[in-house]
Protein backbone atom coordinates (compact mmCIF):
# COMPACT_ATOMS: atom_id res chain seq x y z
CA MET A 1 8.12 -17.84 -18.84
CA ASN A 2 10.77 -17.00 -16.27
CA MET A 3 13.93 -17.70 -18.26
CA SER A 4 16.48 -15.13 -19.30
CA ARG A 5 17.33 -14.65 -22.96
CA GLU A 6 20.53 -16.64 -22.44
CA GLN A 7 18.63 -19.54 -20.84
CA LEU A 8 16.12 -19.56 -23.70
CA LYS A 9 18.93 -19.71 -26.27
CA ALA A 10 20.67 -22.48 -24.32
CA ASN A 11 17.54 -24.62 -23.93
CA TYR A 12 15.51 -23.98 -27.11
CA ASP A 13 15.79 -23.46 -30.83
CA VAL A 14 13.70 -20.31 -31.28
CA GLN A 15 12.02 -19.61 -34.60
CA TYR A 16 10.17 -16.39 -35.46
CA LEU A 17 6.93 -17.33 -37.25
CA GLY A 18 5.81 -13.79 -38.08
CA GLU A 19 3.33 -11.22 -36.87
CA GLU A 20 -0.15 -12.42 -36.00
CA LYS A 21 -3.31 -10.96 -34.49
CA ILE A 22 -4.75 -12.97 -31.64
CA LYS A 23 -8.41 -13.46 -30.71
CA ASP A 24 -8.87 -10.01 -29.14
CA GLY A 25 -7.31 -8.29 -32.18
CA SER A 26 -3.97 -7.52 -30.54
CA SER A 27 -0.89 -7.65 -32.76
CA THR A 28 1.75 -10.11 -31.57
CA TRP A 29 4.94 -11.79 -32.64
CA ARG A 30 4.61 -15.56 -32.85
CA LEU A 31 7.58 -17.61 -31.69
CA GLN A 32 8.12 -21.36 -31.83
CA LEU A 33 10.36 -22.88 -29.16
CA THR A 34 11.70 -26.37 -29.80
CA PRO A 35 13.49 -27.92 -26.82
CA LYS A 36 17.13 -28.85 -27.45
CA SER A 37 16.95 -31.70 -24.93
CA GLN A 38 14.29 -34.28 -24.04
CA THR A 39 11.22 -32.72 -22.41
CA SER A 40 7.66 -33.81 -21.66
CA TYR A 41 6.42 -31.88 -24.73
CA LYS A 42 7.37 -31.59 -28.38
CA LEU A 43 7.30 -27.80 -28.78
CA ALA A 44 5.89 -24.56 -27.43
CA GLU A 45 4.57 -21.53 -29.24
CA LEU A 46 4.35 -18.05 -27.72
CA TRP A 47 2.50 -14.98 -28.93
CA VAL A 48 4.21 -11.89 -27.46
CA ASP A 49 3.06 -8.27 -27.78
CA ALA A 50 5.30 -5.26 -28.53
CA ASN A 51 5.86 -4.71 -24.79
CA GLY A 52 7.28 -8.24 -24.43
CA THR A 53 4.19 -9.47 -22.60
CA PRO A 54 3.20 -13.07 -23.36
CA ARG A 55 -0.41 -13.01 -24.57
CA GLN A 56 -0.95 -16.61 -25.65
CA ALA A 57 0.90 -19.91 -25.30
CA LYS A 58 0.42 -23.30 -26.93
CA ILE A 59 2.15 -26.49 -25.82
CA THR A 60 2.20 -29.43 -28.23
CA GLU A 61 2.74 -32.87 -26.70
CA HIS A 62 4.70 -35.70 -28.34
CA ASN A 63 1.42 -37.30 -29.46
CA SER A 64 0.44 -33.97 -31.11
CA ASP A 65 -2.25 -33.14 -28.52
CA SER A 66 -2.04 -29.47 -27.60
CA THR A 67 -3.08 -27.06 -24.88
CA THR A 68 -3.56 -23.36 -25.54
CA VAL A 69 -3.61 -20.70 -22.83
CA ILE A 70 -4.94 -17.25 -23.73
CA LEU A 71 -4.17 -14.35 -21.38
CA GLU A 72 -6.93 -11.74 -21.49
CA ASN A 73 -7.78 -8.59 -19.52
CA ILE A 74 -4.15 -8.17 -18.49
CA ARG A 75 -3.65 -5.51 -15.83
CA LYS A 76 -0.05 -4.67 -14.98
CA ASN A 77 1.19 -3.49 -11.59
CA GLU A 78 -2.31 -3.21 -10.17
CA THR A 79 -2.60 -2.72 -6.43
CA LEU A 80 -4.35 -5.66 -4.79
CA LYS A 81 -6.20 -5.41 -1.49
CA ALA A 82 -4.91 -7.83 1.16
CA GLU A 83 -8.43 -9.01 2.06
CA ILE A 84 -8.83 -10.83 -1.25
CA PHE A 85 -6.29 -13.34 0.06
CA LYS A 86 -8.07 -13.90 3.39
CA LEU A 87 -9.32 -17.45 3.80
CA VAL A 88 -13.00 -17.76 4.66
CA TYR A 89 -13.86 -21.05 6.30
CA PRO A 90 -17.34 -22.59 6.06
CA SER A 91 -19.20 -22.52 9.39
CA ASN A 92 -18.99 -26.32 9.67
CA ALA A 93 -15.23 -26.47 9.03
CA LYS A 94 -13.02 -27.88 11.76
CA LYS A 95 -9.60 -26.29 12.25
CA ILE A 96 -6.82 -28.75 12.95
CA ARG A 97 -3.46 -27.51 14.18
CA ALA A 98 -0.49 -29.58 13.10
């Protein structure tokens, strides 16, 4: 998901599989990425919206098992409050300094 266009072309054979609506009704372009070199999976499929945002991904393993990830309720450039990252320790937790 973090490769440039040039890196994608160098590492994958990319095939456009057409337009497709995903579960939430959004229109996407479906792409199939087949690795050019040996990887831990057989192929990947991406569903990308008109803004270039990945909305769904499916990885197919060499044994044909697959995992699908669906990205829903996407909020771009939202401001996050710092306190949501504050760690809250249980009262019986023991802090150990290393």
